Structures are given as C-alpha cells and as structure tokens.
C-alpha cells in the first residue's frame, strides 16, 4: 500500500464513480481500476461493490476511509512542519547562561521570542562559567550562550549585549561604604568572600588580577557558589566582595553597599556567542530578535 494507491482509493470513495475519480486524478479509467484492484489484493479485502450502474463502498472500504484521510492529513502536517522549520518559524534553540546578571537579559529575549516566533522553543541551560558554555557551543550541544571572555575563541561569532563595570560590595556601615570610589589597594587588609576558582569565571579572574596588580594576594575567607550567597555573606559581615554592577543589580541589596572601583572605570563586555557556521533557521530568528531585545550598548 502506498500514497498513490490511497489517493486513488479516496478519489473513488468520495466520487463513487470511476470515471469522475479518473478525471479528478487526471488519469485514464483503466489504470485507476488496476490501481484499486492492486490495493484490494494488497489488503486482502474487497473495497468496492461495482455494478454497471453504481459503485458502493464495502464495510472494509468504509473502514479504510478514515485512516486514509489521516495519512494524507499527516503528510500535509509533515510538509507544513518542514516548511515552518525551514524558514525559522519553528525549532529549538539551546541557550546557556550563568549568574544573576544574565536573568534580566534572558527574560527580555524569551518574552520577545514568544511574541514574534511562538513556534520556537528556547531551551534555557544554566551552566557554570564562560569556558564551559563556549565548549558546549563549539561542540554543538548548545546553540547560543551569554558569556564574558578576555580572548575571543576561534570558530565563535559574537555580539556585545552589555557593558559592565567592576564594583566593590561591602556591608552597610563598613569603613568603605560611604566612599564614592575606592581602589583595590584600599582593600589590602580586608577579608574577601569570592566565587569558586572554577576555570572560566571571568569575575573571579578579574578579581585576582586586580589584587595582584595592587601588589597583594587577597585573603579569601569564604567561597560561595553564586552571587546570591556571596551578597548574603557580605551583608552578614563575613567579608567584602569584588563583583560586577549587573550582578549586584539582580540580587537582594539589603544590608550591603556598592562602591565604584577605580579598576572598574573601563567597562568589560558581555556577549551573545554562537558557532560561526551554524545555519539553523531557528537560531537565525533568535539572533534577529536579540538585536531588539538586547541591543548593543552605547559604549
């Protein structure tokens, strides 16, 4: 049984006349009759009762009408799905991010995609740090990532979506809390709360580098897994922390004070990154939407 046979069967079943069915199919009547007979042999059942004056469906023929129509509806659905995927109306894009600084951007992008391209599924994946996210993008197990880096990796395309500044976060009432600006040299004798020393933590790397450039090694008294925990520990007086302004803006600020850093005058950049040769139509549509949701900052 094939689609050609089912198409011929439905034409005869709906017309109940071999001549009209042949005209509808743009074919001669004898080939149509042979097609129906072959289908009946394949199924082992007579589908039509034929007389010189009429054609009528048998019970077996009536049973086949519904499934045959479902087959063609399935074909139409398949064609429609392929067309939609081909133009980026449907599909899946896996987006990786890390930390609270990304949450506002993620929300804006998801909202716009749902409005513009509701057939595209954004699969959000919280990964640890930039190097891991970029590895997943490069390997093809992730399509898009919000990352920070010092050196652009090969095979990766990107667009800047945010300019950020490093800040110092201290407990309210701390000796540095009322300063307009401080330098890392002012923190030489302070105790620090820090993120883990995982490879790819750009904030942690910038923190250590700033301390070394100020000619001291930081006294890290507590390591915390995320920015929420870091800020809670700072508010509790455990220590101070080196962070970025976007991360602080997205966590509870009770009990802490944010002070500008001399070392943060020049911005660092967050990027949206993807594989250079990724031709996914769905990814293309998400990137288009991202230009509206996450426009390039004025630098």
C-alpha atoms as a PDB file:
ATOM      1  CA  UNK A   1       0.000   0.000   0.000  1.00  0.00           C
ATOM      2  CA  UNK A   2       1.400   3.400  -0.983  1.00  0.00           C
ATOM      3  CA  UNK A   3       0.221   7.006  -1.162  1.00  0.00           C
ATOM      4  CA  UNK A   4      -0.623   6.687  -4.858  1.00  0.00           C
ATOM      5  CA  UNK A   5      -2.984   3.798  -4.109  1.00  0.00           C
ATOM      6  CA  UNK A   6      -4.580   5.593  -1.153  1.00  0.00           C
ATOM      7  CA  UNK A   7      -5.075   8.730  -3.245  1.00  0.00           C
ATOM      8  CA  UNK A   8      -6.840   6.654  -5.919  1.00  0.00           C
ATOM      9  CA  UNK A   9      -8.959   4.915  -3.265  1.00  0.00           C
ATOM     10  CA  UNK A  10     -10.124   8.197  -1.705  1.00  0.00           C
ATOM     11  CA  UNK A  11     -10.994   9.655  -5.089  1.00  0.00           C
ATOM     12  CA  UNK A  12     -13.253   6.682  -5.895  1.00  0.00           C
ATOM     13  CA  UNK A  13     -14.651   6.552  -2.348  1.00  0.00           C
ATOM     14  CA  UNK A  14     -15.643  10.229  -2.475  1.00  0.00           C
ATOM     15  CA  UNK A  15     -16.916  10.267  -6.075  1.00  0.00           C
ATOM     16  CA  UNK A  16     -18.392   6.714  -6.046  1.00  0.00           C
ATOM     17  CA  UNK A  17     -17.773   6.780  -9.777  1.00  0.00           C
ATOM     18  CA  UNK A  18     -14.631   5.508 -11.526  1.00  0.00           C
ATOM     19  CA  UNK A  19     -14.964   7.911 -14.470  1.00  0.00           C
ATOM     20  CA  UNK A  20     -15.276  11.038 -12.324  1.00  0.00           C
ATOM     21  CA  UNK A  21     -12.498   9.807 -10.000  1.00  0.00           C
ATOM     22  CA  UNK A  22     -10.200   9.272 -13.004  1.00  0.00           C
ATOM     23  CA  UNK A  23     -10.909  12.804 -14.245  1.00  0.00           C
ATOM     24  CA  UNK A  24     -10.186  14.205 -10.775  1.00  0.00           C
ATOM     25  CA  UNK A  25      -6.852  12.375 -10.736  1.00  0.00           C
ATOM     26  CA  UNK A  26      -6.041  13.376 -14.334  1.00  0.00           C
ATOM     27  CA  UNK A  27      -5.645   9.778 -15.436  1.00  0.00           C
ATOM     28  CA  UNK A  28      -7.438   7.242 -17.626  1.00  0.00           C
ATOM     29  CA  UNK A  29     -10.038   4.944 -16.056  1.00  0.00           C
ATOM     30  CA  UNK A  30      -8.333   1.576 -16.819  1.00  0.00           C
ATOM     31  CA  UNK A  31      -5.131   2.432 -14.855  1.00  0.00           C
ATOM     32  CA  UNK A  32      -7.310   3.640 -11.987  1.00  0.00           C
ATOM     33  CA  UNK A  33      -9.225   0.377 -11.943  1.00  0.00           C
ATOM     34  CA  UNK A  34      -5.944  -1.572 -11.921  1.00  0.00           C
ATOM     35  CA  UNK A  35      -4.649   0.533  -9.027  1.00  0.00           C
ATOM     36  CA  UNK A  36      -7.763  -0.181  -6.948  1.00  0.00           C
ATOM     37  CA  UNK A  37      -7.591  -3.909  -7.719  1.00  0.00           C
ATOM     38  CA  UNK A  38      -3.921  -3.979  -6.685  1.00  0.00           C
ATOM     39  CA  UNK A  39      -4.773  -2.230  -3.420  1.00  0.00           C
ATOM     40  CA  UNK A  40      -7.535  -4.759  -2.745  1.00  0.00           C
ATOM     41  CA  UNK A  41      -5.079  -7.603  -3.370  1.00  0.00           C
ATOM     42  CA  UNK A  42      -2.537  -5.983  -1.050  1.00  0.00           C
ATOM     43  CA  UNK A  43      -5.130  -5.631   1.715  1.00  0.00           C
ATOM     44  CA  UNK A  44      -6.825  -8.949   1.055  1.00  0.00           C
ATOM     45  CA  UNK A  45     -10.286  -7.314   1.062  1.00  0.00           C
ATOM     46  CA  UNK A  46     -12.733  -6.000  -1.494  1.00  0.00           C
ATOM     47  CA  UNK A  47     -13.140  -2.271  -1.023  1.00  0.00           C
ATOM     48  CA  UNK A  48     -15.910  -1.523  -3.526  1.00  0.00           C
ATOM     49  CA  UNK A  49     -19.003  -3.297  -4.823  1.00  0.00           C
ATOM     50  CA  UNK A  50     -19.197  -2.500  -8.538  1.00  0.00           C
ATOM     51  CA  UNK A  51     -22.139  -2.891 -10.886  1.00  0.00           C
ATOM     52  CA  UNK A  52     -22.671  -1.458 -14.334  1.00  0.00           C
ATOM     53  CA  UNK A  53     -24.783   1.276 -12.772  1.00  0.00           C
ATOM     54  CA  UNK A  54     -23.164   2.039  -9.393  1.00  0.00           C
ATOM     55  CA  UNK A  55     -20.134   1.866  -7.133  1.00  0.00           C
ATOM     56  CA  UNK A  56     -20.565   1.368  -3.394  1.00  0.00           C
ATOM     57  CA  UNK A  57     -18.106   1.039  -0.523  1.00  0.00           C
ATOM     58  CA  UNK A  58     -17.957  -2.296   1.239  1.00  0.00           C
ATOM     59  CA  UNK A  59     -17.630  -2.391   5.020  1.00  0.00           C
ATOM     60  CA  UNK A  60     -13.866  -2.862   4.529  1.00  0.00           C
ATOM     61  CA  UNK A  61     -13.825   0.175   2.223  1.00  0.00           C
ATOM     62  CA  UNK A  62     -15.709   2.278   4.747  1.00  0.00           C
ATOM     63  CA  UNK A  63     -13.194   1.240   7.422  1.00  0.00           C
ATOM     64  CA  UNK A  64     -10.315   2.449   5.252  1.00  0.00           C
ATOM     65  CA  UNK A  65     -11.683   5.942   4.514  1.00  0.00           C
ATOM     66  CA  UNK A  66     -10.831   7.457   7.914  1.00  0.00           C
ATOM     67  CA  UNK A  67      -7.280   6.066   8.187  1.00  0.00           C
ATOM     68  CA  UNK A  68      -6.563   7.027   4.561  1.00  0.00           C
ATOM     69  CA  UNK A  69      -7.610  10.627   5.242  1.00  0.00           C
ATOM     70  CA  UNK A  70      -5.460  10.647   8.377  1.00  0.00           C
ATOM     71  CA  UNK A  71      -2.472   9.532   6.307  1.00  0.00           C
ATOM     72  CA  UNK A  72      -2.892  12.483   3.941  1.00  0.00           C
ATOM     73  CA  UNK A  73      -3.508  14.872   6.817  1.00  0.00           C
ATOM     74  CA  UNK A  74      -0.285  13.583   8.354  1.00  0.00           C
ATOM     75  CA  UNK A  75       1.516  14.262   5.078  1.00  0.00           C
ATOM     76  CA  UNK A  76       0.165  17.809   4.998  1.00  0.00           C
ATOM     77  CA  UNK A  77       1.227  18.308   8.611  1.00  0.00           C
ATOM     78  CA  UNK A  78       4.693  16.976   7.828  1.00  0.00           C
ATOM     79  CA  UNK A  79       5.080  19.297   4.834  1.00  0.00           C
ATOM     80  CA  UNK A  80       3.888  22.249   6.898  1.00  0.00           C
ATOM     81  CA  UNK A  81       6.288  21.385   9.724  1.00  0.00           C
ATOM     82  CA  UNK A  82       9.224  21.100   7.338  1.00  0.00           C
ATOM     83  CA  UNK A  83       8.357  24.415   5.692  1.00  0.00           C
ATOM     84  CA  UNK A  84       7.977  26.173   9.070  1.00  0.00           C
ATOM     85  CA  UNK A  85      11.296  24.799  10.311  1.00  0.00           C
ATOM     86  CA  UNK A  86      12.983  25.772   7.062  1.00  0.00           C
ATOM     87  CA  UNK A  87      12.008  29.429   7.441  1.00  0.00           C
ATOM     88  CA  UNK A  88      12.650  29.566  11.187  1.00  0.00           C
ATOM     89  CA  UNK A  89       9.027  29.628  12.350  1.00  0.00           C
ATOM     90  CA  UNK A  90       9.596  26.541  14.492  1.00  0.00           C
ATOM     91  CA  UNK A  91      12.576  24.826  16.041  1.00  0.00           C
ATOM     92  CA  UNK A  92      14.625  24.666  19.212  1.00  0.00           C
ATOM     93  CA  UNK A  93      17.479  26.892  20.318  1.00  0.00           C
ATOM     94  CA  UNK A  94      19.520  25.904  23.383  1.00  0.00           C
ATOM     95  CA  UNK A  95      20.686  28.989  25.268  1.00  0.00           C
ATOM     96  CA  UNK A  96      23.292  28.841  28.029  1.00  0.00           C
ATOM     97  CA  UNK A  97      23.902  31.445  30.712  1.00  0.00           C
ATOM     98  CA  UNK A  98      25.336  31.788  34.213  1.00  0.00           C
ATOM     99  CA  UNK A  99      24.659  34.032  37.169  1.00  0.00           C
ATOM    100  CA  UNK A 100      22.019  36.599  38.104  1.00  0.00           C
ATOM    101  CA  UNK A 101      23.480  39.223  35.773  1.00  0.00           C
ATOM    102  CA  UNK A 102      22.026  37.241  32.849  1.00  0.00           C
ATOM    103  CA  UNK A 103      18.484  36.880  34.162  1.00  0.00           C
ATOM    104  CA  UNK A 104      17.162  40.253  33.005  1.00  0.00           C
ATOM    105  CA  UNK A 105      18.547  39.694  29.502  1.00  0.00           C
ATOM    106  CA  UNK A 106      17.143  36.159  29.365  1.00  0.00           C
ATOM    107  CA  UNK A 107      13.698  37.427  30.367  1.00  0.00           C
ATOM    108  CA  UNK A 108      13.675  40.115  27.672  1.00  0.00           C
ATOM    109  CA  UNK A 109      14.760  37.683  24.963  1.00  0.00           C
ATOM    110  CA  UNK A 110      12.293  34.942  25.947  1.00  0.00           C
ATOM    111  CA  UNK A 111       9.440  37.446  26.049  1.00  0.00           C
ATOM    112  CA  UNK A 112      10.206  38.776  22.574  1.00  0.00           C
ATOM    113  CA  UNK A 113      10.624  35.296  21.066  1.00  0.00           C
ATOM    114  CA  UNK A 114       7.226  34.246  22.461  1.00  0.00           C
ATOM    115  CA  UNK A 115       5.669  37.321  20.870  1.00  0.00           C
ATOM    116  CA  UNK A 116       7.422  37.124  17.485  1.00  0.00           C
ATOM    117  CA  UNK A 117       8.113  33.415  16.980  1.00  0.00           C
ATOM    118  CA  UNK A 118       5.948  31.337  19.352  1.00  0.00           C
ATOM    119  CA  UNK A 119       6.863  28.181  17.429  1.00  0.00           C
ATOM    120  CA  UNK A 120      10.494  28.433  18.532  1.00  0.00           C
ATOM    121  CA  UNK A 121      11.361  26.732  21.806  1.00  0.00           C
ATOM    122  CA  UNK A 122      14.111  28.420  23.807  1.00  0.00           C
ATOM    123  CA  UNK A 123      15.708  25.708  25.915  1.00  0.00           C
ATOM    124  CA  UNK A 124      17.460  27.510  28.778  1.00  0.00           C
ATOM    125  CA  UNK A 125      20.522  25.874  30.306  1.00  0.00           C
ATOM    126  CA  UNK A 126      22.272  27.268  33.383  1.00  0.00           C
ATOM    127  CA  UNK A 127      25.957  26.437  33.011  1.00  0.00           C
ATOM    128  CA  UNK A 128      28.816  27.262  35.325  1.00  0.00           C
ATOM    129  CA  UNK A 129      31.070  29.722  33.536  1.00  0.00           C
ATOM    130  CA  UNK A 130      32.004  31.045  30.111  1.00  0.00           C
ATOM    131  CA  UNK A 131      34.592  28.405  29.176  1.00  0.00           C
ATOM    132  CA  UNK A 132      32.145  25.580  29.785  1.00  0.00           C
ATOM    133  CA  UNK A 133      29.391  27.370  27.862  1.00  0.00           C
ATOM    134  CA  UNK A 134      31.721  28.046  24.932  1.00  0.00           C
ATOM    135  CA  UNK A 135      32.873  24.431  24.900  1.00  0.00           C
ATOM    136  CA  UNK A 136      29.254  23.293  24.650  1.00  0.00           C
ATOM    137  CA  UNK A 137      28.549  25.797  21.871  1.00  0.00           C
ATOM    138  CA  UNK A 138      31.654  24.752  19.958  1.00  0.00           C
ATOM    139  CA  UNK A 139      30.771  21.043  20.308  1.00  0.00           C
ATOM    140  CA  UNK A 140      27.215  21.649  19.115  1.00  0.00           C
ATOM    141  CA  UNK A 141      25.383  20.626  22.291  1.00  0.00           C
ATOM    142  CA  UNK A 142      24.413  24.272  22.861  1.00  0.00           C
ATOM    143  CA  UNK A 143      23.456  26.835  20.219  1.00  0.00           C
ATOM    144  CA  UNK A 144      23.842  30.173  21.939  1.00  0.00           C
ATOM    145  CA  UNK A 145      25.421  31.476  25.153  1.00  0.00           C
ATOM    146  CA  UNK A 146      25.705  34.662  27.162  1.00  0.00           C
ATOM    147  CA  UNK A 147      29.385  34.876  28.086  1.00  0.00           C
ATOM    148  CA  UNK A 148      32.304  37.095  29.049  1.00  0.00           C
ATOM    149  CA  UNK A 149      35.845  36.484  27.857  1.00  0.00           C
ATOM    150  CA  UNK A 150      39.263  38.071  27.647  1.00  0.00           C
ATOM    151  CA  UNK A 151      40.267  36.449  24.338  1.00  0.00           C
ATOM    152  CA  UNK A 152      37.805  35.611  21.559  1.00  0.00           C
ATOM    153  CA  UNK A 153      37.818  31.844  20.875  1.00  0.00           C
ATOM    154  CA  UNK A 154      38.151  30.518  17.306  1.00  0.00           C
ATOM    155  CA  UNK A 155      35.066  29.349  15.445  1.00  0.00           C
ATOM    156  CA  UNK A 156      32.759  31.525  17.535  1.00  0.00           C
ATOM    157  CA  UNK A 157      30.778  34.554  16.358  1.00  0.00           C
ATOM    158  CA  UNK A 158      29.506  37.066  18.884  1.00  0.00           C
ATOM    159  CA  UNK A 159      27.784  40.354  19.538  1.00  0.00           C
ATOM    160  CA  UNK A 160      28.204  42.651  22.553  1.00  0.00           C
ATOM    161  CA  UNK A 161      24.977  42.923  24.563  1.00  0.00           C
ATOM    162  CA  UNK A 162      26.161  44.702  27.712  1.00  0.00           C
ATOM    163  CA  UNK A 163      28.955  46.924  29.019  1.00  0.00           C
ATOM    164  CA  UNK A 164      29.592  46.254  32.709  1.00  0.00           C
ATOM    165  CA  UNK A 165      31.764  47.705  35.433  1.00  0.00           C
ATOM    166  CA  UNK A 166      33.516  46.076  38.363  1.00  0.00           C
ATOM    167  CA  UNK A 167      32.390  47.228  41.797  1.00  0.00           C
ATOM    168  CA  UNK A 168      33.193  46.562  45.430  1.00  0.00           C
ATOM    169  CA  UNK A 169      30.355  45.318  47.661  1.00  0.00           C
ATOM    170  CA  UNK A 170      30.649  45.821  51.414  1.00  0.00           C
ATOM    171  CA  UNK A 171      28.395  45.546  54.443  1.00  0.00           C
ATOM    172  CA  UNK A 172      26.389  48.644  55.321  1.00  0.00           C
ATOM    173  CA  UNK A 173      28.408  50.706  57.773  1.00  0.00           C
ATOM    174  CA  UNK A 174      31.722  49.277  56.589  1.00  0.00           C
ATOM    175  CA  UNK A 175      34.620  51.762  56.594  1.00  0.00           C
ATOM    176  CA  UNK A 176      34.490  51.911  52.773  1.00  0.00           C
ATOM    177  CA  UNK A 177      30.695  52.054  52.412  1.00  0.00           C
ATOM    178  CA  UNK A 178      30.450  55.853  52.230  1.00  0.00           C
ATOM    179  CA  UNK A 179      33.235  56.288  49.671  1.00  0.00           C
ATOM    180  CA  UNK A 180      32.369  57.465  46.156  1.00  0.00           C
ATOM    181  CA  UNK A 181      35.169  55.342  44.736  1.00  0.00           C
ATOM    182  CA  UNK A 182      37.878  53.013  46.047  1.00  0.00           C
ATOM    183  CA  UNK A 183      40.837  51.171  44.586  1.00  0.00           C
ATOM    184  CA  UNK A 184      41.853  47.595  45.254  1.00  0.00           C
ATOM    185  CA  UNK A 185      44.890  48.959  47.089  1.00  0.00           C
ATOM    186  CA  UNK A 186      42.447  50.267  49.729  1.00  0.00           C
ATOM    187  CA  UNK A 187      41.369  46.646  50.345  1.00  0.00           C
ATOM    188  CA  UNK A 188      44.756  45.139  51.084  1.00  0.00           C
ATOM    189  CA  UNK A 189      43.869  44.211  54.672  1.00  0.00           C
ATOM    190  CA  UNK A 190      40.260  43.183  54.029  1.00  0.00           C
ATOM    191  CA  UNK A 191      38.750  39.699  54.181  1.00  0.00           C
ATOM    192  CA  UNK A 192      37.044  38.630  50.970  1.00  0.00           C
ATOM    193  CA  UNK A 193      34.083  36.452  50.012  1.00  0.00           C
ATOM    194  CA  UNK A 194      34.580  35.095  46.494  1.00  0.00           C
ATOM    195  CA  UNK A 195      33.093  32.861  43.840  1.00  0.00           C
ATOM    196  CA  UNK A 196      34.754  29.443  43.301  1.00  0.00           C
ATOM    197  CA  UNK A 197      38.047  29.280  41.429  1.00  0.00           C
ATOM    198  CA  UNK A 198      36.463  27.383  38.522  1.00  0.00           C
ATOM    199  CA  UNK A 199      38.108  27.835  35.119  1.00  0.00           C
ATOM    200  CA  UNK A 200      36.204  30.395  33.107  1.00  0.00           C
ATOM    201  CA  UNK A 201      34.947  32.595  35.946  1.00  0.00           C
ATOM    202  CA  UNK A 202      35.759  35.960  34.386  1.00  0.00           C
ATOM    203  CA  UNK A 203      34.752  37.879  37.529  1.00  0.00           C
ATOM    204  CA  UNK A 204      36.930  35.701  39.772  1.00  0.00           C
ATOM    205  CA  UNK A 205      39.829  36.014  37.320  1.00  0.00           C
ATOM    206  CA  UNK A 206      39.429  39.814  37.177  1.00  0.00           C
ATOM    207  CA  UNK A 207      39.314  39.942  40.995  1.00  0.00           C
ATOM    208  CA  UNK A 208      42.564  38.023  41.432  1.00  0.00           C
ATOM    209  CA  UNK A 209      44.241  40.026  38.678  1.00  0.00           C
ATOM    210  CA  UNK A 210      43.188  43.353  40.265  1.00  0.00           C
ATOM    211  CA  UNK A 211      44.570  42.251  43.640  1.00  0.00           C
ATOM    212  CA  UNK A 212      47.886  41.200  42.123  1.00  0.00           C
ATOM    213  CA  UNK A 213      48.137  44.478  40.214  1.00  0.00           C
ATOM    214  CA  UNK A 214      47.592  46.254  43.556  1.00  0.00           C
ATOM    215  CA  UNK A 215      50.541  44.206  44.875  1.00  0.00           C
ATOM    216  CA  UNK A 216      48.769  41.882  47.308  1.00  0.00           C
ATOM    217  CA  UNK A 217      47.211  38.422  47.413  1.00  0.00           C
ATOM    218  CA  UNK A 218      43.594  38.512  48.631  1.00  0.00           C
ATOM    219  CA  UNK A 219      42.622  36.975  51.946  1.00  0.00           C
ATOM    220  CA  UNK A 220      39.644  34.855  50.837  1.00  0.00           C
ATOM    221  CA  UNK A 221      37.870  33.678  53.984  1.00  0.00           C
ATOM    222  CA  UNK A 222      34.767  32.210  52.343  1.00  0.00           C
ATOM    223  CA  UNK A 223      33.933  30.792  48.926  1.00  0.00           C
ATOM    224  CA  UNK A 224      30.266  30.845  47.849  1.00  0.00           C
ATOM    225  CA  UNK A 225      28.658  29.059  44.890  1.00  0.00           C
ATOM    226  CA  UNK A 226      26.710  32.012  43.466  1.00  0.00           C
ATOM    227  CA  UNK A 227      26.199  35.762  43.708  1.00  0.00           C
ATOM    228  CA  UNK A 228      23.121  35.479  45.944  1.00  0.00           C
ATOM    229  CA  UNK A 229      25.107  33.600  48.584  1.00  0.00           C
ATOM    230  CA  UNK A 230      28.083  35.948  48.201  1.00  0.00           C
ATOM    231  CA  UNK A 231      25.881  39.002  48.853  1.00  0.00           C
ATOM    232  CA  UNK A 232      24.205  37.331  51.836  1.00  0.00           C
ATOM    233  CA  UNK A 233      27.614  36.642  53.366  1.00  0.00           C
ATOM    234  CA  UNK A 234      28.730  40.220  52.721  1.00  0.00           C
ATOM    235  CA  UNK A 235      25.533  41.512  54.372  1.00  0.00           C
ATOM    236  CA  UNK A 236      26.325  39.275  57.356  1.00  0.00           C
ATOM    237  CA  UNK A 237      29.755  40.863  57.733  1.00  0.00           C
ATOM    238  CA  UNK A 238      31.809  37.822  56.723  1.00  0.00           C
ATOM    239  CA  UNK A 239      33.817  39.862  54.240  1.00  0.00           C
ATOM    240  CA  UNK A 240      33.666  42.157  51.238  1.00  0.00           C
ATOM    241  CA  UNK A 241      33.478  41.075  47.595  1.00  0.00           C
ATOM    242  CA  UNK A 242      34.565  42.093  44.108  1.00  0.00           C
ATOM    243  CA  UNK A 243      31.666  41.888  41.640  1.00  0.00           C
ATOM    244  CA  UNK A 244      30.072  43.460  38.574  1.00  0.00           C
ATOM    245  CA  UNK A 245      27.311  46.058  38.620  1.00  0.00           C
ATOM    246  CA  UNK A 246      24.827  43.931  36.633  1.00  0.00           C
ATOM    247  CA  UNK A 247      25.132  41.021  39.072  1.00  0.00           C
ATOM    248  CA  UNK A 248      24.573  43.262  42.073  1.00  0.00           C
ATOM    249  CA  UNK A 249      21.551  44.871  40.400  1.00  0.00           C
ATOM    250  CA  UNK A 250      19.822  41.478  40.190  1.00  0.00           C
ATOM    251  CA  UNK A 251      20.268  40.233  43.761  1.00  0.00           C
ATOM    252  CA  UNK A 252      18.738  41.440  47.056  1.00  0.00           C
ATOM    253  CA  UNK A 253      20.570  44.595  48.168  1.00  0.00           C
ATOM    254  CA  UNK A 254      19.512  44.671  51.820  1.00  0.00           C
ATOM    255  CA  UNK A 255      22.421  45.165  54.202  1.00  0.00           C
ATOM    256  CA  UNK A 256      25.047  45.902  51.557  1.00  0.00           C
ATOM    257  CA  UNK A 257      26.585  48.965  49.937  1.00  0.00           C
ATOM    258  CA  UNK A 258      28.001  49.119  46.415  1.00  0.00           C
ATOM    259  CA  UNK A 259      31.077  51.277  45.816  1.00  0.00           C
ATOM    260  CA  UNK A 260      32.613  52.106  42.463  1.00  0.00           C
ATOM    261  CA  UNK A 261      36.091  50.708  41.801  1.00  0.00           C
ATOM    262  CA  UNK A 262      38.924  52.601  40.178  1.00  0.00           C
ATOM    263  CA  UNK A 263      39.695  49.304  38.441  1.00  0.00           C
ATOM    264  CA  UNK A 264      36.168  49.269  37.031  1.00  0.00           C
ATOM    265  CA  UNK A 265      36.264  52.575  35.165  1.00  0.00           C
ATOM    266  CA  UNK A 266      36.861  50.796  31.868  1.00  0.00           C
ATOM    267  CA  UNK A 267      33.921  48.510  31.008  1.00  0.00           C
ATOM    268  CA  UNK A 268      34.057  44.769  30.480  1.00  0.00           C
ATOM    269  CA  UNK A 269      31.718  43.269  27.919  1.00  0.00           C
ATOM    270  CA  UNK A 270      29.116  40.534  27.919  1.00  0.00           C
ATOM    271  CA  UNK A 271      28.461  38.862  24.605  1.00  0.00           C
ATOM    272  CA  UNK A 272      25.945  36.643  22.895  1.00  0.00           C
ATOM    273  CA  UNK A 273      28.004  33.883  21.238  1.00  0.00           C
ATOM    274  CA  UNK A 274      27.237  31.178  18.655  1.00  0.00           C
ATOM    275  CA  UNK A 275      29.046  28.919  16.172  1.00  0.00           C
ATOM    276  CA  UNK A 276      30.277  30.744  13.082  1.00  0.00           C
ATOM    277  CA  UNK A 277      28.878  28.216  10.595  1.00  0.00           C
ATOM    278  CA  UNK A 278      25.591  27.401  12.359  1.00  0.00           C
ATOM    279  CA  UNK A 279      22.923  27.750   9.649  1.00  0.00           C
ATOM    280  CA  UNK A 280      19.911  26.872  11.818  1.00  0.00           C
ATOM    281  CA  UNK A 281      16.882  28.948  10.690  1.00  0.00           C
ATOM    282  CA  UNK A 282      15.562  28.975  14.273  1.00  0.00           C
ATOM    283  CA  UNK A 283      18.886  30.329  15.574  1.00  0.00           C
ATOM    284  CA  UNK A 284      18.832  32.963  12.831  1.00  0.00           C
ATOM    285  CA  UNK A 285      15.408  34.156  14.030  1.00  0.00           C
ATOM    286  CA  UNK A 286      16.508  34.211  17.676  1.00  0.00           C
ATOM    287  CA  UNK A 287      19.561  36.288  16.737  1.00  0.00           C
ATOM    288  CA  UNK A 288      17.323  38.722  14.863  1.00  0.00           C
ATOM    289  CA  UNK A 289      15.056  39.038  17.881  1.00  0.00           C
ATOM    290  CA  UNK A 290      18.069  39.502  20.162  1.00  0.00           C
ATOM    291  CA  UNK A 291      19.013  42.672  18.290  1.00  0.00           C
ATOM    292  CA  UNK A 292      15.751  44.197  19.543  1.00  0.00           C
ATOM    293  CA  UNK A 293      15.659  42.582  22.996  1.00  0.00           C
ATOM    294  CA  UNK A 294      19.364  43.046  23.709  1.00  0.00           C
ATOM    295  CA  UNK A 295      20.584  45.976  21.587  1.00  0.00           C
ATOM    296  CA  UNK A 296      24.280  46.785  21.528  1.00  0.00           C
ATOM    297  CA  UNK A 297      25.019  49.188  24.386  1.00  0.00           C
ATOM    298  CA  UNK A 298      26.249  52.691  23.747  1.00  0.00           C
ATOM    299  CA  UNK A 299      29.941  52.412  24.618  1.00  0.00           C
END
